[in-house]
Amino acid sequence: MAIKQPLSLTIIQQRLDSYPIPHADLVIGIGRGGAIPAQMVAQKIGAKLLVVRVNFRDDENNPQREMPVFLEDLMVPMEKGSKIFLVDDVSVTGKTLETVKEKLKGFEVITLVFKGKADHVLFPEINTCVDWPWKAPENQISEVPKDRRAFLKSLAGLTAGIMLPITGMPLTDDFGNSLSTKNTPEKDRLGELLPKRKFGKTGISVTMLGLGGAHIAQMSEKEAQKTIEIALAGGVRFFDNAESYGNGLSEKRYGMFLTPKYRDVAFIQSKSTARDGKTMRDHLEGTLKKMNTDYLDLWFIHAVGSPSDVDSRIKNGVLDVVLEAQKSGKVKYVGFSGHADYKAHQRMLERTDALQVCQMPINAFDPNYKSFINNVLPQLIKKEMAPIAMKTLANGGFFGGTSHFNHGDKPRIVPNAISVEEALYFSWSLPISVLVTGADNAEMLQEKIDMARKFKALDEKKRMALVEKVAGFDGRLVEFYKV
């Protein structure tokens, strides 16, 4: 095999920033290899993006067919005569570009590749093979089971099974059959609640949207209070938190703005990262004090990172303390959470059946990379545990960020490939009990509340289309928190 010249994303971005790319109405990327280059181009010129999957060569640029073949229909959302940039990472013979151009007759098409033959070439000086940063080594690519499509297809019925009938929110399966009956929306003393879903085998139900606690510590005190009040006014009754968020500041703000007036209507959860029983007990007492409450509705063994981490915590008494707290009444329900390694979740599920809830990443990119959806969600359903979705926008990863809470300059899934609404609707269309959102401010939370109120489940075709749209992104960048 020929030695490949490595190119970092930073070098590519620097070259792209200095390259005089003319404006276009639409950028079309040829997936898989051209998906991220097209997103980078679209972001630079502020154009809309479309990715079409065409199969011709493998990752070593060896032809797999006599001619390139479209793997999906090419539907261009532009009028004839519009200017289109056709983008791929590499063009050796130009056959793939020409095949796609044939489908674009009537449009003004300009081709751009990062290496090879095209109207515009970003690295014309490179004549060797390139190790592109968006092509992960085989051992870093998602362990996607062969029956991924079959599994995702089965989720519509499972999701419908945990959703409660709400007036104005008709549910249908993938064949258009009705899955709901009319019912009066539930209300409490504050007003109308968001639609609710069953919470595993606990016998209770929770609102389909929950407020994430981590961002509460990132806000000003005034904005934190406003965000909590917007949540309550909007029908949110599920409130997430953790002992570690903001070194306890998030819990203190719940104690200031949530529990004094609204403890009777709020379902409140918190978590502990403790590695031993004594610290776990101390964390619980501290959490109850900071949040100004005598009990938690839900308490987690938080941020399990690996199978050995799970084994160590259980050995050191963490699970025993959690179950003792539940028996004493200080905690109603117990569970575990984590975002780094789905194998940690699998180990916890192997070690105990005593937990009722699991919190983990659930998003449209996850099935493509070290997937919790593929590898953990089926087990939760089988055990009748309540799945809580977090990182539905990859904690900034969908916005080009590669650190928690932050956006960034890396290729962006939102808005270049899918919208925020599509991302949330994908997660809500899976059999999750609640989606916990980390809103940056009250206004952002209100947008999520509005989306929840008009939500309609996506069918199998739409879910899979979203998974495929984002498949070309580099998982190491998008879901940077996975190991």
Foldseek 3Di string as FASTA:
>chain_A
DDDAAEDDPVNLLVLVLPDPDDAFQEEEAEPQQRQQVSLSNCVVRVHAYHYWYKAAADPVRHGPDPAIDTPDDDDDPDDFAGEYEYEGAEDAPCRVVVVVVVVNPRYRYFYEYCEYDGNHHSCPVDDGHYDYPLDDDPVFWAPFDPCNLVVLQVFLVLQLVFWAAEPPFWAAAQVRHTSHDYDYADADPLGGAFTWTHAFPLPDIAHQAEAEQLLLLVDDLVQSLLQVVLCVNLRHQEYEEECPRNVNPSLLSLLVRPPVPPVVRHQYEYEYCDQALVVLVVSLVVSCVSNVHQAHAEYENEAQAALVSLVRSVVRCNVVNQVVCCVVRRYVFYYYEHEAALNNVVNVLVPDLRHAEYEYADWLQQSTGNHCVRRPVVVCVVSRHAYEHECLQLQQLQQCDQDHVDHHSRRHCPPRQHHPLLSVLLRSSGNHRYYHDHDNGNVRVVVVSVSSNNHYHDRSVSSVVSSVSCNSGRCCRSNVNYD
